[in-house]
């Protein structure tokens, strides 16, 4: 919902020029006819009285010539000049919009910046942005000649808010949402690093996931002289996971349609965008049915995979531990 620029509003300016020319044409032709009638009258008077009356004839003839030239010569030339200048302005404006849009996309790609929805796992190159005043959703907030190359004006009745369309003019400070599920997205700049823990049912995958997230990840991040940062919405998850790890309690089984990424940031210091580690723990049961894998949309963006295998399911391990059936039974090996 944005106001369209005059020169790009469905040819609005062309319609106005056409209407103006038509109206001027009608008025000038009417003036030309009336002036010709004055010339005829003045001619008759000059023939009868002579003298200065011929000056009046000359004046009316000059006036008719001026109207004729203005209607059939100067007006088309001025309209053509206006169209040329307006066309050049439109081309220049469009080129500027295209250049700015490409520069912003190039900046994002060079730095590896994009957003991932931790709810529906979709990669979001262009979020849905919200007007800070009326909360209207803007689906394609990009620089363009039709709506604006630096800012656009919200066209919601009674709003008129000036909304930035570029990062450098403040777009990243606007509330943003996933185009797929509508969930709120982070407005921060970060480089996503996605890791999935994969394995069959009851192999201890979730327990390992919790242990690594609460005990090992911070030391790995610190090993690079970075700082681990846990956002407010993730702190509760980390506390619960740490409680499970410390007490040795087996966490509840992950539900396939309730997978939500655990997000932990690695602050790399000044001059570097932070890393945001997305950690996924899909249930082992999902790998027994190919149809369940269709909702795991994060596979396309994975940077790493941790495969968790129950050693007791391997034939070689079973052979080496043959004769120790009691231990197998105690471990409830399938």
C-alpha atoms as a PDB file:
ATOM      1  CA  UNK A   1       0.000   0.000   0.000  1.00  0.00           C
ATOM      2  CA  UNK A   2       2.181   2.846  -1.280  1.00  0.00           C
ATOM      3  CA  UNK A   3       1.548   6.077  -3.142  1.00  0.00           C
ATOM      4  CA  UNK A   4       2.607   5.976  -6.777  1.00  0.00           C
ATOM      5  CA  UNK A   5       4.893   8.611  -8.225  1.00  0.00           C
ATOM      6  CA  UNK A   6       3.225  11.005 -10.682  1.00  0.00           C
ATOM      7  CA  UNK A   7       5.434  10.204 -13.663  1.00  0.00           C
ATOM      8  CA  UNK A   8       5.019   6.435 -13.139  1.00  0.00           C
ATOM      9  CA  UNK A   9       1.345   6.286 -12.216  1.00  0.00           C
ATOM     10  CA  UNK A  10      -0.040   4.320 -15.164  1.00  0.00           C
ATOM     11  CA  UNK A  11       0.919   7.061 -17.611  1.00  0.00           C
ATOM     12  CA  UNK A  12      -0.896   9.704 -15.590  1.00  0.00           C
ATOM     13  CA  UNK A  13       1.313  12.521 -16.846  1.00  0.00           C
ATOM     14  CA  UNK A  14       0.794  11.449 -20.461  1.00  0.00           C
ATOM     15  CA  UNK A  15      -2.953  11.583 -19.948  1.00  0.00           C
ATOM     16  CA  UNK A  16      -2.651  15.039 -18.426  1.00  0.00           C
ATOM     17  CA  UNK A  17      -0.502  16.286 -21.302  1.00  0.00           C
ATOM     18  CA  UNK A  18      -2.952  14.835 -23.816  1.00  0.00           C
ATOM     19  CA  UNK A  19      -5.938  16.444 -22.065  1.00  0.00           C
ATOM     20  CA  UNK A  20      -4.116  19.779 -21.795  1.00  0.00           C
ATOM     21  CA  UNK A  21      -3.200  19.747 -25.491  1.00  0.00           C
ATOM     22  CA  UNK A  22      -6.750  18.859 -26.499  1.00  0.00           C
ATOM     23  CA  UNK A  23      -8.188  21.688 -24.412  1.00  0.00           C
ATOM     24  CA  UNK A  24      -5.584  24.161 -25.695  1.00  0.00           C
ATOM     25  CA  UNK A  25      -6.240  23.013 -29.276  1.00  0.00           C
ATOM     26  CA  UNK A  26      -9.975  23.649 -28.933  1.00  0.00           C
ATOM     27  CA  UNK A  27      -9.465  27.067 -27.324  1.00  0.00           C
ATOM     28  CA  UNK A  28      -6.846  28.139 -29.888  1.00  0.00           C
ATOM     29  CA  UNK A  29      -8.944  27.062 -32.864  1.00  0.00           C
ATOM     30  CA  UNK A  30     -11.915  28.938 -31.447  1.00  0.00           C
ATOM     31  CA  UNK A  31      -9.717  32.004 -30.915  1.00  0.00           C
ATOM     32  CA  UNK A  32      -8.349  31.616 -34.480  1.00  0.00           C
ATOM     33  CA  UNK A  33     -11.867  31.564 -35.963  1.00  0.00           C
ATOM     34  CA  UNK A  34     -12.967  34.571 -33.940  1.00  0.00           C
ATOM     35  CA  UNK A  35      -9.821  36.493 -34.841  1.00  0.00           C
ATOM     36  CA  UNK A  36     -10.343  35.745 -38.537  1.00  0.00           C
ATOM     37  CA  UNK A  37     -13.802  37.254 -38.218  1.00  0.00           C
ATOM     38  CA  UNK A  38     -12.192  40.376 -36.668  1.00  0.00           C
ATOM     39  CA  UNK A  39      -9.735  40.498 -39.583  1.00  0.00           C
ATOM     40  CA  UNK A  40     -12.631  40.407 -42.091  1.00  0.00           C
ATOM     41  CA  UNK A  41     -14.485  43.171 -40.253  1.00  0.00           C
ATOM     42  CA  UNK A  42     -11.355  45.294 -39.914  1.00  0.00           C
ATOM     43  CA  UNK A  43     -10.611  44.802 -43.623  1.00  0.00           C
ATOM     44  CA  UNK A  44     -14.027  46.106 -44.603  1.00  0.00           C
ATOM     45  CA  UNK A  45     -13.638  49.105 -42.302  1.00  0.00           C
ATOM     46  CA  UNK A  46     -10.144  49.835 -43.628  1.00  0.00           C
ATOM     47  CA  UNK A  47     -11.363  49.796 -47.244  1.00  0.00           C
ATOM     48  CA  UNK A  48     -14.039  52.290 -46.373  1.00  0.00           C
ATOM     49  CA  UNK A  49     -12.130  54.592 -44.031  1.00  0.00           C
ATOM     50  CA  UNK A  50      -8.452  53.822 -44.791  1.00  0.00           C
ATOM     51  CA  UNK A  51      -5.719  55.454 -42.771  1.00  0.00           C
ATOM     52  CA  UNK A  52      -4.978  53.987 -39.359  1.00  0.00           C
ATOM     53  CA  UNK A  53      -7.679  51.357 -39.796  1.00  0.00           C
ATOM     54  CA  UNK A  54      -5.139  49.310 -41.779  1.00  0.00           C
ATOM     55  CA  UNK A  55      -2.995  49.070 -38.638  1.00  0.00           C
ATOM     56  CA  UNK A  56      -5.864  47.300 -36.933  1.00  0.00           C
ATOM     57  CA  UNK A  57      -6.040  44.878 -39.875  1.00  0.00           C
ATOM     58  CA  UNK A  58      -2.304  44.213 -39.577  1.00  0.00           C
ATOM     59  CA  UNK A  59      -2.625  43.631 -35.818  1.00  0.00           C
ATOM     60  CA  UNK A  60      -5.432  41.085 -36.233  1.00  0.00           C
ATOM     61  CA  UNK A  61      -3.534  39.299 -39.015  1.00  0.00           C
ATOM     62  CA  UNK A  62      -0.430  39.086 -36.793  1.00  0.00           C
ATOM     63  CA  UNK A  63      -2.578  37.800 -33.919  1.00  0.00           C
ATOM     64  CA  UNK A  64      -4.081  35.093 -36.152  1.00  0.00           C
ATOM     65  CA  UNK A  65      -0.617  34.099 -37.366  1.00  0.00           C
ATOM     66  CA  UNK A  66       0.605  33.835 -33.757  1.00  0.00           C
ATOM     67  CA  UNK A  67      -2.343  31.657 -32.757  1.00  0.00           C
ATOM     68  CA  UNK A  68      -1.812  29.496 -35.854  1.00  0.00           C
ATOM     69  CA  UNK A  69       1.917  29.062 -35.163  1.00  0.00           C
ATOM     70  CA  UNK A  70       1.314  28.385 -31.483  1.00  0.00           C
ATOM     71  CA  UNK A  71      -1.332  25.765 -32.218  1.00  0.00           C
ATOM     72  CA  UNK A  72       0.248  23.857 -35.076  1.00  0.00           C
ATOM     73  CA  UNK A  73       3.998  24.408 -34.589  1.00  0.00           C
ATOM     74  CA  UNK A  74       5.104  25.669 -31.178  1.00  0.00           C
ATOM     75  CA  UNK A  75       2.703  23.567 -29.109  1.00  0.00           C
ATOM     76  CA  UNK A  76       3.765  20.232 -30.735  1.00  0.00           C
ATOM     77  CA  UNK A  77       7.423  21.237 -30.366  1.00  0.00           C
ATOM     78  CA  UNK A  78       6.996  22.108 -26.691  1.00  0.00           C
ATOM     79  CA  UNK A  79       5.050  18.899 -26.036  1.00  0.00           C
ATOM     80  CA  UNK A  80       7.758  16.862 -27.775  1.00  0.00           C
ATOM     81  CA  UNK A  81      10.456  18.640 -25.735  1.00  0.00           C
ATOM     82  CA  UNK A  82       8.512  18.004 -22.523  1.00  0.00           C
ATOM     83  CA  UNK A  83       8.085  14.307 -23.388  1.00  0.00           C
ATOM     84  CA  UNK A  84      11.795  13.984 -24.154  1.00  0.00           C
ATOM     85  CA  UNK A  85      12.801  15.612 -20.868  1.00  0.00           C
ATOM     86  CA  UNK A  86      10.214  13.628 -18.907  1.00  0.00           C
ATOM     87  CA  UNK A  87      11.354  10.421 -20.603  1.00  0.00           C
ATOM     88  CA  UNK A  88      14.989  11.138 -19.747  1.00  0.00           C
ATOM     89  CA  UNK A  89      13.989  11.851 -16.145  1.00  0.00           C
ATOM     90  CA  UNK A  90      12.055   8.560 -15.982  1.00  0.00           C
ATOM     91  CA  UNK A  91      14.964   6.598 -17.436  1.00  0.00           C
ATOM     92  CA  UNK A  92      17.417   8.240 -15.047  1.00  0.00           C
ATOM     93  CA  UNK A  93      15.113   7.613 -12.079  1.00  0.00           C
ATOM     94  CA  UNK A  94      14.590   3.988 -13.108  1.00  0.00           C
ATOM     95  CA  UNK A  95      18.322   3.447 -13.574  1.00  0.00           C
ATOM     96  CA  UNK A  96      19.008   4.906 -10.135  1.00  0.00           C
ATOM     97  CA  UNK A  97      16.388   2.615  -8.568  1.00  0.00           C
ATOM     98  CA  UNK A  98      17.830  -0.437 -10.327  1.00  0.00           C
ATOM     99  CA  UNK A  99      21.399   0.472  -9.323  1.00  0.00           C
ATOM    100  CA  UNK A 100      20.486   0.964  -5.666  1.00  0.00           C
ATOM    101  CA  UNK A 101      18.493  -2.280  -5.540  1.00  0.00           C
ATOM    102  CA  UNK A 102      21.341  -4.246  -7.143  1.00  0.00           C
ATOM    103  CA  UNK A 103      23.929  -2.624  -4.849  1.00  0.00           C
ATOM    104  CA  UNK A 104      21.939  -3.639  -1.777  1.00  0.00           C
ATOM    105  CA  UNK A 105      21.501  -7.203  -3.015  1.00  0.00           C
ATOM    106  CA  UNK A 106      25.191  -7.417  -3.869  1.00  0.00           C
ATOM    107  CA  UNK A 107      26.098  -6.203  -0.374  1.00  0.00           C
ATOM    108  CA  UNK A 108      23.914  -8.899   1.186  1.00  0.00           C
ATOM    109  CA  UNK A 109      25.324 -11.656  -1.024  1.00  0.00           C
ATOM    110  CA  UNK A 110      28.976 -10.670  -0.561  1.00  0.00           C
ATOM    111  CA  UNK A 111      28.570 -10.691   3.220  1.00  0.00           C
ATOM    112  CA  UNK A 112      26.360 -13.797   3.265  1.00  0.00           C
ATOM    113  CA  UNK A 113      23.508 -11.985   5.000  1.00  0.00           C
ATOM    114  CA  UNK A 114      19.969 -13.327   4.829  1.00  0.00           C
ATOM    115  CA  UNK A 115      17.201 -14.253   7.206  1.00  0.00           C
ATOM    116  CA  UNK A 116      15.971 -17.708   8.128  1.00  0.00           C
ATOM    117  CA  UNK A 117      12.614 -18.297   9.730  1.00  0.00           C
ATOM    118  CA  UNK A 118      13.193 -20.588  12.687  1.00  0.00           C
ATOM    119  CA  UNK A 119       9.532 -21.591  12.657  1.00  0.00           C
ATOM    120  CA  UNK A 120       8.863 -22.661   9.061  1.00  0.00           C
ATOM    121  CA  UNK A 121      12.582 -22.918   8.146  1.00  0.00           C
ATOM    122  CA  UNK A 122      12.205 -20.872   4.952  1.00  0.00           C
ATOM    123  CA  UNK A 123      14.981 -18.684   3.622  1.00  0.00           C
ATOM    124  CA  UNK A 124      13.654 -15.120   3.541  1.00  0.00           C
ATOM    125  CA  UNK A 125      15.505 -12.877   1.108  1.00  0.00           C
ATOM    126  CA  UNK A 126      12.799 -10.209   1.210  1.00  0.00           C
ATOM    127  CA  UNK A 127      10.704 -10.111   4.393  1.00  0.00           C
ATOM    128  CA  UNK A 128       7.295  -8.498   4.701  1.00  0.00           C
ATOM    129  CA  UNK A 129       7.782  -5.123   6.386  1.00  0.00           C
ATOM    130  CA  UNK A 130       5.303  -3.330   8.604  1.00  0.00           C
ATOM    131  CA  UNK A 131       4.477   0.357   8.534  1.00  0.00           C
ATOM    132  CA  UNK A 132       5.505   1.732  11.950  1.00  0.00           C
ATOM    133  CA  UNK A 133       2.457   3.998  12.074  1.00  0.00           C
ATOM    134  CA  UNK A 134      -0.571   2.090  10.759  1.00  0.00           C
ATOM    135  CA  UNK A 135       0.991  -1.452  10.801  1.00  0.00           C
ATOM    136  CA  UNK A 136       0.056  -2.098   7.179  1.00  0.00           C
ATOM    137  CA  UNK A 137       2.136  -4.868   5.593  1.00  0.00           C
ATOM    138  CA  UNK A 138       4.347  -3.935   2.627  1.00  0.00           C
ATOM    139  CA  UNK A 139       5.104  -7.041   0.581  1.00  0.00           C
ATOM    140  CA  UNK A 140       7.765  -5.658  -1.794  1.00  0.00           C
ATOM    141  CA  UNK A 141       9.665  -2.936   0.011  1.00  0.00           C
ATOM    142  CA  UNK A 142      12.320  -2.339  -2.639  1.00  0.00           C
ATOM    143  CA  UNK A 143      13.575   0.799  -4.388  1.00  0.00           C
ATOM    144  CA  UNK A 144      11.645   1.351  -7.593  1.00  0.00           C
ATOM    145  CA  UNK A 145      10.638   4.253  -9.824  1.00  0.00           C
ATOM    146  CA  UNK A 146       6.934   3.660  -9.309  1.00  0.00           C
ATOM    147  CA  UNK A 147       6.946   4.160  -5.525  1.00  0.00           C
ATOM    148  CA  UNK A 148      10.313   5.696  -4.577  1.00  0.00           C
ATOM    149  CA  UNK A 149      14.018   4.917  -4.623  1.00  0.00           C
ATOM    150  CA  UNK A 150      14.876   6.041  -1.081  1.00  0.00           C
ATOM    151  CA  UNK A 151      11.515   6.254   0.673  1.00  0.00           C
ATOM    152  CA  UNK A 152       7.904   5.509  -0.130  1.00  0.00           C
ATOM    153  CA  UNK A 153       4.720   6.985   1.275  1.00  0.00           C
ATOM    154  CA  UNK A 154       2.212   4.608   2.901  1.00  0.00           C
ATOM    155  CA  UNK A 155      -1.106   4.978   1.094  1.00  0.00           C
ATOM    156  CA  UNK A 156      -3.283   3.549   3.861  1.00  0.00           C
ATOM    157  CA  UNK A 157      -6.095   6.089   4.499  1.00  0.00           C
ATOM    158  CA  UNK A 158      -5.077   8.463   7.265  1.00  0.00           C
ATOM    159  CA  UNK A 159      -1.466   7.263   7.408  1.00  0.00           C
ATOM    160  CA  UNK A 160       0.952   8.810   4.894  1.00  0.00           C
ATOM    161  CA  UNK A 161       3.996   7.552   6.804  1.00  0.00           C
ATOM    162  CA  UNK A 162       7.361   7.960   5.071  1.00  0.00           C
ATOM    163  CA  UNK A 163       8.868   4.474   4.896  1.00  0.00           C
ATOM    164  CA  UNK A 164      12.516   3.728   4.004  1.00  0.00           C
ATOM    165  CA  UNK A 165      13.088   1.240   1.194  1.00  0.00           C
ATOM    166  CA  UNK A 166      16.858   0.813   1.606  1.00  0.00           C
ATOM    167  CA  UNK A 167      18.999  -0.434   4.463  1.00  0.00           C
ATOM    168  CA  UNK A 168      21.022   2.787   4.423  1.00  0.00           C
ATOM    169  CA  UNK A 169      17.848   4.836   4.881  1.00  0.00           C
ATOM    170  CA  UNK A 170      16.591   2.712   7.795  1.00  0.00           C
ATOM    171  CA  UNK A 171      14.642  -0.236   6.357  1.00  0.00           C
ATOM    172  CA  UNK A 172      16.325  -2.773   8.634  1.00  0.00           C
ATOM    173  CA  UNK A 173      14.840  -1.029  11.685  1.00  0.00           C
ATOM    174  CA  UNK A 174      11.280  -1.746  10.533  1.00  0.00           C
ATOM    175  CA  UNK A 175       9.351  -4.716  11.992  1.00  0.00           C
ATOM    176  CA  UNK A 176       9.707  -7.625   9.553  1.00  0.00           C
ATOM    177  CA  UNK A 177       7.896 -10.934   9.097  1.00  0.00           C
ATOM    178  CA  UNK A 178       8.323 -14.226   7.260  1.00  0.00           C
ATOM    179  CA  UNK A 179       6.601 -14.324   3.873  1.00  0.00           C
ATOM    180  CA  UNK A 180       5.620 -17.952   4.446  1.00  0.00           C
ATOM    181  CA  UNK A 181       4.244 -18.305   7.971  1.00  0.00           C
ATOM    182  CA  UNK A 182       4.043 -14.656   9.074  1.00  0.00           C
ATOM    183  CA  UNK A 183       6.329 -15.139  12.100  1.00  0.00           C
ATOM    184  CA  UNK A 184       8.340 -12.152  13.307  1.00  0.00           C
ATOM    185  CA  UNK A 185      11.936 -12.027  12.064  1.00  0.00           C
ATOM    186  CA  UNK A 186      15.058 -10.511  13.556  1.00  0.00           C
ATOM    187  CA  UNK A 187      15.996  -7.066  12.296  1.00  0.00           C
ATOM    188  CA  UNK A 188      19.689  -7.616  13.044  1.00  0.00           C
ATOM    189  CA  UNK A 189      22.369  -8.321  10.466  1.00  0.00           C
ATOM    190  CA  UNK A 190      23.941 -11.759  10.806  1.00  0.00           C
ATOM    191  CA  UNK A 191      25.461 -14.617   8.828  1.00  0.00           C
ATOM    192  CA  UNK A 192      23.369 -17.792   9.288  1.00  0.00           C
ATOM    193  CA  UNK A 193      25.190 -21.037  10.104  1.00  0.00           C
ATOM    194  CA  UNK A 194      22.773 -23.970  10.064  1.00  0.00           C
ATOM    195  CA  UNK A 195      23.507 -27.347  11.659  1.00  0.00           C
ATOM    196  CA  UNK A 196      21.172 -30.348  11.869  1.00  0.00           C
ATOM    197  CA  UNK A 197      21.464 -33.336  14.201  1.00  0.00           C
ATOM    198  CA  UNK A 198      20.260 -36.350  12.255  1.00  0.00           C
ATOM    199  CA  UNK A 199      19.692 -39.920  13.333  1.00  0.00           C
ATOM    200  CA  UNK A 200      17.141 -42.641  13.848  1.00  0.00           C
ATOM    201  CA  UNK A 201      14.720 -43.026  16.763  1.00  0.00           C
ATOM    202  CA  UNK A 202      16.107 -43.475  20.298  1.00  0.00           C
ATOM    203  CA  UNK A 203      19.793 -43.075  19.405  1.00  0.00           C
ATOM    204  CA  UNK A 204      20.409 -40.323  21.977  1.00  0.00           C
ATOM    205  CA  UNK A 205      20.372 -37.557  19.389  1.00  0.00           C
ATOM    206  CA  UNK A 206      18.384 -35.056  21.437  1.00  0.00           C
ATOM    207  CA  UNK A 207      20.524 -35.672  24.528  1.00  0.00           C
ATOM    208  CA  UNK A 208      23.678 -35.047  22.500  1.00  0.00           C
ATOM    209  CA  UNK A 209      22.061 -31.969  20.946  1.00  0.00           C
ATOM    210  CA  UNK A 210      21.316 -30.559  24.398  1.00  0.00           C
ATOM    211  CA  UNK A 211      24.772 -31.339  25.730  1.00  0.00           C
ATOM    212  CA  UNK A 212      26.562 -29.698  22.832  1.00  0.00           C
ATOM    213  CA  UNK A 213      24.304 -26.633  22.911  1.00  0.00           C
ATOM    214  CA  UNK A 214      24.714 -26.074  26.650  1.00  0.00           C
ATOM    215  CA  UNK A 215      28.240 -27.313  27.334  1.00  0.00           C
ATOM    216  CA  UNK A 216      30.426 -27.386  24.218  1.00  0.00           C
ATOM    217  CA  UNK A 217      29.251 -24.639  21.874  1.00  0.00           C
ATOM    218  CA  UNK A 218      30.436 -21.796  24.084  1.00  0.00           C
ATOM    219  CA  UNK A 219      33.969 -23.211  24.278  1.00  0.00           C
ATOM    220  CA  UNK A 220      34.040 -23.676  20.497  1.00  0.00           C
ATOM    221  CA  UNK A 221      33.001 -20.059  19.988  1.00  0.00           C
ATOM    222  CA  UNK A 222      35.505 -18.849  22.589  1.00  0.00           C
ATOM    223  CA  UNK A 223      38.224 -20.819  20.795  1.00  0.00           C
ATOM    224  CA  UNK A 224      37.875 -18.364  17.908  1.00  0.00           C
ATOM    225  CA  UNK A 225      38.113 -15.397  20.316  1.00  0.00           C
ATOM    226  CA  UNK A 226      34.441 -14.723  19.791  1.00  0.00           C
ATOM    227  CA  UNK A 227      31.679 -14.183  22.334  1.00  0.00           C
ATOM    228  CA  UNK A 228      28.592 -16.363  22.682  1.00  0.00           C
ATOM    229  CA  UNK A 229      25.356 -14.373  22.842  1.00  0.00           C
ATOM    230  CA  UNK A 230      21.994 -15.897  23.764  1.00  0.00           C
ATOM    231  CA  UNK A 231      18.950 -13.765  22.985  1.00  0.00           C
ATOM    232  CA  UNK A 232      16.072 -13.401  25.427  1.00  0.00           C
ATOM    233  CA  UNK A 233      13.745 -15.785  23.613  1.00  0.00           C
ATOM    234  CA  UNK A 234      16.384 -18.544  23.666  1.00  0.00           C
ATOM    235  CA  UNK A 235      17.467 -18.226  27.300  1.00  0.00           C
ATOM    236  CA  UNK A 236      14.525 -20.271  28.594  1.00  0.00           C
ATOM    237  CA  UNK A 237      15.292 -23.100  26.170  1.00  0.00           C
ATOM    238  CA  UNK A 238      18.971 -23.170  27.181  1.00  0.00           C
ATOM    239  CA  UNK A 239      18.086 -23.265  30.900  1.00  0.00           C
ATOM    240  CA  UNK A 240      15.676 -26.161  30.375  1.00  0.00           C
ATOM    241  CA  UNK A 241      18.181 -28.081  28.258  1.00  0.00           C
ATOM    242  CA  UNK A 242      20.921 -27.557  30.837  1.00  0.00           C
ATOM    243  CA  UNK A 243      18.593 -28.873  33.548  1.00  0.00           C
ATOM    244  CA  UNK A 244      18.024 -32.039  31.533  1.00  0.00           C
ATOM    245  CA  UNK A 245      21.753 -32.513  30.919  1.00  0.00           C
ATOM    246  CA  UNK A 246      22.774 -31.905  34.536  1.00  0.00           C
ATOM    247  CA  UNK A 247      20.108 -34.225  35.924  1.00  0.00           C
ATOM    248  CA  UNK A 248      20.576 -36.924  33.287  1.00  0.00           C
ATOM    249  CA  UNK A 249      16.872 -36.783  32.454  1.00  0.00           C
ATOM    250  CA  UNK A 250      15.992 -37.893  28.948  1.00  0.00           C
ATOM    251  CA  UNK A 251      14.144 -35.011  27.264  1.00  0.00           C
ATOM    252  CA  UNK A 252      10.788 -35.536  25.664  1.00  0.00           C
ATOM    253  CA  UNK A 253      10.700 -36.784  22.087  1.00  0.00           C
ATOM    254  CA  UNK A 254      10.734 -34.076  19.431  1.00  0.00           C
ATOM    255  CA  UNK A 255       7.473 -33.681  17.553  1.00  0.00           C
ATOM    256  CA  UNK A 256       7.998 -33.506  13.816  1.00  0.00           C
ATOM    257  CA  UNK A 257       5.703 -30.539  13.186  1.00  0.00           C
ATOM    258  CA  UNK A 258       6.979 -28.630  16.216  1.00  0.00           C
ATOM    259  CA  UNK A 259      10.623 -28.327  15.116  1.00  0.00           C
ATOM    260  CA  UNK A 260      11.971 -24.914  15.936  1.00  0.00           C
ATOM    261  CA  UNK A 261      15.585 -23.947  15.486  1.00  0.00           C
ATOM    262  CA  UNK A 262      17.673 -23.085  18.527  1.00  0.00           C
ATOM    263  CA  UNK A 263      19.460 -19.835  17.655  1.00  0.00           C
ATOM    264  CA  UNK A 264      22.714 -18.801  19.322  1.00  0.00           C
ATOM    265  CA  UNK A 265      24.851 -15.874  18.179  1.00  0.00           C
ATOM    266  CA  UNK A 266      28.619 -15.665  17.928  1.00  0.00           C
ATOM    267  CA  UNK A 267      29.784 -12.054  18.237  1.00  0.00           C
ATOM    268  CA  UNK A 268      32.940 -11.751  16.122  1.00  0.00           C
ATOM    269  CA  UNK A 269      33.783  -8.230  17.214  1.00  0.00           C
ATOM    270  CA  UNK A 270      33.903  -4.886  15.459  1.00  0.00           C
ATOM    271  CA  UNK A 271      34.107  -4.953  11.689  1.00  0.00           C
ATOM    272  CA  UNK A 272      32.459  -8.362  11.351  1.00  0.00           C
ATOM    273  CA  UNK A 273      28.835  -9.412  11.158  1.00  0.00           C
ATOM    274  CA  UNK A 274      27.910 -11.898  13.899  1.00  0.00           C
ATOM    275  CA  UNK A 275      27.237 -15.523  13.132  1.00  0.00           C
ATOM    276  CA  UNK A 276      23.840 -16.908  14.052  1.00  0.00           C
ATOM    277  CA  UNK A 277      23.983 -20.641  14.633  1.00  0.00           C
ATOM    278  CA  UNK A 278      20.697 -22.376  13.818  1.00  0.00           C
ATOM    279  CA  UNK A 279      20.592 -25.831  15.421  1.00  0.00           C
ATOM    280  CA  UNK A 280      17.901 -28.294  14.326  1.00  0.00           C
ATOM    281  CA  UNK A 281      16.878 -31.469  16.124  1.00  0.00           C
ATOM    282  CA  UNK A 282      14.325 -33.317  13.947  1.00  0.00           C
ATOM    283  CA  UNK A 283      12.802 -36.497  15.421  1.00  0.00           C
ATOM    284  CA  UNK A 284      14.301 -39.793  14.325  1.00  0.00           C
ATOM    285  CA  UNK A 285      10.873 -41.055  13.342  1.00  0.00           C
ATOM    286  CA  UNK A 286      10.741 -38.550  10.488  1.00  0.00           C
ATOM    287  CA  UNK A 287      13.440 -40.471   8.608  1.00  0.00           C
ATOM    288  CA  UNK A 288      11.283 -43.577   8.433  1.00  0.00           C
ATOM    289  CA  UNK A 289       8.754 -41.812   6.194  1.00  0.00           C
ATOM    290  CA  UNK A 290       9.870 -39.837   3.151  1.00  0.00           C
ATOM    291  CA  UNK A 291       6.691 -37.743   3.226  1.00  0.00           C
ATOM    292  CA  UNK A 292       7.700 -36.321   6.618  1.00  0.00           C
ATOM    293  CA  UNK A 293      10.939 -34.970   5.181  1.00  0.00           C
ATOM    294  CA  UNK A 294       9.078 -32.523   2.943  1.00  0.00           C
ATOM    295  CA  UNK A 295       8.549 -30.125   5.821  1.00  0.00           C
ATOM    296  CA  UNK A 296      12.274 -30.064   6.624  1.00  0.00           C
ATOM    297  CA  UNK A 297      12.938 -27.049   4.422  1.00  0.00           C
ATOM    298  CA  UNK A 298      16.172 -26.146   6.196  1.00  0.00           C
ATOM    299  CA  UNK A 299      18.154 -28.865   4.376  1.00  0.00           C
ATOM    300  CA  UNK A 300      18.791 -26.513   1.458  1.00  0.00           C
ATOM    301  CA  UNK A 301      20.659 -24.103   3.738  1.00  0.00           C
ATOM    302  CA  UNK A 302      22.603 -26.536   5.919  1.00  0.00           C
ATOM    303  CA  UNK A 303      26.260 -25.758   6.599  1.00  0.00           C
ATOM    304  CA  UNK A 304      26.865 -28.926   8.577  1.00  0.00           C
ATOM    305  CA  UNK A 305      25.286 -32.197   9.709  1.00  0.00           C
ATOM    306  CA  UNK A 306      25.923 -34.185  12.873  1.00  0.00           C
ATOM    307  CA  UNK A 307      25.023 -37.834  12.314  1.00  0.00           C
ATOM    308  CA  UNK A 308      24.188 -39.726  15.493  1.00  0.00           C
ATOM    309  CA  UNK A 309      24.352 -43.528  15.268  1.00  0.00           C
ATOM    310  CA  UNK A 310      23.499 -46.070  17.960  1.00  0.00           C
ATOM    311  CA  UNK A 311      26.594 -48.322  17.984  1.00  0.00           C
ATOM    312  CA  UNK A 312      24.545 -51.306  19.144  1.00  0.00           C
ATOM    313  CA  UNK A 313      22.742 -51.304  15.800  1.00  0.00           C
ATOM    314  CA  UNK A 314      26.010 -52.037  13.951  1.00  0.00           C
ATOM    315  CA  UNK A 315      26.704 -55.705  13.154  1.00  0.00           C
ATOM    316  CA  UNK A 316      30.421 -55.342  13.845  1.00  0.00           C
ATOM    317  CA  UNK A 317      29.775 -53.992  17.325  1.00  0.00           C
ATOM    318  CA  UNK A 318      27.288 -56.750  18.016  1.00  0.00           C
ATOM    319  CA  UNK A 319      29.831 -59.401  17.000  1.00  0.00           C
ATOM    320  CA  UNK A 320      32.533 -57.926  19.203  1.00  0.00           C
ATOM    321  CA  UNK A 321      30.163 -57.806  22.152  1.00  0.00           C
ATOM    322  CA  UNK A 322      28.577 -61.199  21.586  1.00  0.00           C
ATOM    323  CA  UNK A 323      28.008 -63.145  24.753  1.00  0.00           C
ATOM    324  CA  UNK A 324      27.064 -60.037  26.680  1.00  0.00           C
ATOM    325  CA  UNK A 325      23.341 -60.290  26.016  1.00  0.00           C
ATOM    326  CA  UNK A 326      22.540 -59.118  29.516  1.00  0.00           C
ATOM    327  CA  UNK A 327      24.165 -55.778  28.811  1.00  0.00           C
ATOM    328  CA  UNK A 328      22.230 -55.506  25.563  1.00  0.00           C
ATOM    329  CA  UNK A 329      19.020 -56.226  27.424  1.00  0.00           C
ATOM    330  CA  UNK A 330      19.856 -53.639  30.094  1.00  0.00           C
ATOM    331  CA  UNK A 331      20.499 -51.055  27.378  1.00  0.00           C
ATOM    332  CA  UNK A 332      17.181 -51.989  25.718  1.00  0.00           C
ATOM    333  CA  UNK A 333      18.898 -52.441  22.388  1.00  0.00           C
ATOM    334  CA  UNK A 334      16.515 -53.149  19.530  1.00  0.00           C
END
